[in-house]
């Protein structure tokens, strides 16, 4: 930038590419600063949001998978225990009723808890 002085007051003049040897580097630095600030405000936040969505979806699928495998293992364990006492066909039906009853009781308990917290 070139200084223009009148009397005791000096003011900076806007850079002129013909007379200012630092004009190109100063302008480039300004552009880089502005682009970096815009990128920081937009791209970084968008990447973080996209990562959160992707990891959330992966965690949800993994949670559902673990839940299904746990229920299947519980069902098979109850069937194996009941096979010691009754026939295999009866053990299968009884295991369905027992595990289904446990899941229904758990659902009712959670439903009651939801109703109690919603009323307050």
Protein backbone atom coordinates (compact mmCIF):
# COMPACT_ATOMS: atom_id res chain seq x y z
CA UNK A 1 0.00 0.00 0.00
CA UNK A 2 1.17 3.49 -0.77
CA UNK A 3 0.98 6.27 1.81
CA UNK A 4 -0.32 9.67 0.76
CA UNK A 5 0.64 12.51 3.09
CA UNK A 6 -0.97 15.94 3.28
CA UNK A 7 0.45 18.12 6.01
CA UNK A 8 0.63 16.13 9.26
CA UNK A 9 -1.91 13.44 8.25
CA UNK A 10 -0.94 10.39 6.20
CA UNK A 11 -3.51 7.93 4.85
CA UNK A 12 -3.01 4.66 3.06
CA UNK A 13 -4.03 4.50 -0.54
CA UNK A 14 -5.42 1.33 -2.04
CA UNK A 15 -2.74 -0.78 -3.70
CA UNK A 16 -2.08 -0.27 -7.36
CA UNK A 17 -0.62 -3.25 -9.25
CA UNK A 18 1.43 -0.90 -11.39
CA UNK A 19 3.17 0.88 -8.51
CA UNK A 20 2.99 -1.56 -5.57
CA UNK A 21 5.47 -4.45 -5.78
CA UNK A 22 3.67 -6.38 -2.98
CA UNK A 23 0.22 -6.09 -4.54
CA UNK A 24 0.15 -9.66 -5.94
CA UNK A 25 1.25 -11.34 -2.71
CA UNK A 26 -1.03 -9.14 -0.57
CA UNK A 27 -4.04 -9.87 -2.78
CA UNK A 28 -3.23 -13.59 -2.85
CA UNK A 29 -2.94 -13.68 0.94
CA UNK A 30 -6.32 -11.93 1.29
CA UNK A 31 -7.99 -14.40 -1.10
CA UNK A 32 -6.43 -17.38 0.69
CA UNK A 33 -7.58 -16.02 4.05
CA UNK A 34 -11.15 -15.52 2.85
CA UNK A 35 -11.33 -18.94 1.16
CA UNK A 36 -9.92 -20.64 4.27
CA UNK A 37 -12.47 -18.92 6.49
CA UNK A 38 -15.37 -19.90 4.21
CA UNK A 39 -14.12 -23.48 3.98
CA UNK A 40 -13.76 -23.67 7.75
CA UNK A 41 -17.33 -22.48 8.28
CA UNK A 42 -18.95 -24.71 5.64
CA UNK A 43 -16.97 -27.77 4.63
CA UNK A 44 -15.69 -28.72 8.07
CA UNK A 45 -19.16 -28.61 9.61
CA UNK A 46 -20.65 -30.54 6.69
CA UNK A 47 -18.01 -33.26 6.96
CA UNK A 48 -18.60 -33.57 10.71
CA UNK A 49 -22.37 -33.83 10.17
CA UNK A 50 -21.92 -36.47 7.47
CA UNK A 51 -19.62 -38.50 9.71
CA UNK A 52 -22.11 -38.31 12.58
CA UNK A 53 -24.92 -39.55 10.31
CA UNK A 54 -22.83 -42.41 8.91
CA UNK A 55 -21.60 -43.56 12.32
CA UNK A 56 -25.12 -43.26 13.74
CA UNK A 57 -26.53 -45.47 10.99
CA UNK A 58 -23.75 -48.03 11.50
CA UNK A 59 -24.39 -48.04 15.26
CA UNK A 60 -28.15 -48.49 14.72
CA UNK A 61 -27.64 -51.45 12.36
CA UNK A 62 -25.14 -52.99 14.75
CA UNK A 63 -27.54 -52.55 17.67
CA UNK A 64 -30.41 -54.20 15.77
CA UNK A 65 -28.10 -57.05 14.71
CA UNK A 66 -26.98 -57.65 18.31
CA UNK A 67 -30.58 -57.54 19.53
CA UNK A 68 -31.73 -60.11 16.96
CA UNK A 69 -28.79 -62.44 17.67
CA UNK A 70 -29.44 -62.16 21.41
CA UNK A 71 -33.12 -63.08 20.99
CA UNK A 72 -32.23 -66.04 18.75
CA UNK A 73 -29.65 -67.28 21.28
CA UNK A 74 -32.15 -66.87 24.12
CA UNK A 75 -34.76 -68.80 22.15
CA UNK A 76 -32.34 -71.64 21.38
CA UNK A 77 -31.14 -71.78 24.99
CA UNK A 78 -34.68 -72.07 26.33
CA UNK A 79 -35.43 -74.77 23.73
CA UNK A 80 -32.37 -76.76 24.77
CA UNK A 81 -33.35 -76.52 28.43
CA UNK A 82 -36.94 -77.55 27.72
CA UNK A 83 -35.75 -80.46 25.55
CA UNK A 84 -34.54 -82.07 28.78
CA UNK A 85 -38.07 -82.10 30.20
CA UNK A 86 -40.52 -82.34 27.25
CA UNK A 87 -40.46 -83.43 23.59
CA UNK A 88 -38.72 -81.28 20.99
CA UNK A 89 -41.98 -80.05 19.41
CA UNK A 90 -43.34 -79.04 22.81
CA UNK A 91 -40.03 -77.39 23.70
CA UNK A 92 -40.20 -75.24 20.57
CA UNK A 93 -43.74 -74.03 21.31
CA UNK A 94 -43.03 -73.48 24.99
CA UNK A 95 -39.86 -71.54 24.21
CA UNK A 96 -41.87 -69.25 21.91
CA UNK A 97 -44.40 -68.62 24.68
CA UNK A 98 -41.75 -68.10 27.37
CA UNK A 99 -39.50 -65.75 25.37
CA UNK A 100 -42.54 -63.97 23.91
CA UNK A 101 -43.95 -63.51 27.41
CA UNK A 102 -40.64 -62.12 28.68
CA UNK A 103 -40.52 -59.66 25.77
CA UNK A 104 -44.17 -58.65 26.33
CA UNK A 105 -43.54 -58.06 30.04
CA UNK A 106 -40.48 -55.97 29.18
CA UNK A 107 -42.55 -53.96 26.69
CA UNK A 108 -45.33 -53.42 29.22
CA UNK A 109 -42.81 -52.30 31.83
CA UNK A 110 -41.27 -49.81 29.40
CA UNK A 111 -44.72 -48.64 28.32
CA UNK A 112 -45.73 -48.07 31.94
CA UNK A 113 -42.50 -46.18 32.58
CA UNK A 114 -43.18 -43.97 29.53
CA UNK A 115 -46.70 -43.19 30.69
CA UNK A 116 -45.51 -42.31 34.18
CA UNK A 117 -42.82 -39.94 32.92
CA UNK A 118 -45.19 -38.33 30.37
CA UNK A 119 -47.78 -37.59 33.07
CA UNK A 120 -45.35 -35.56 35.18
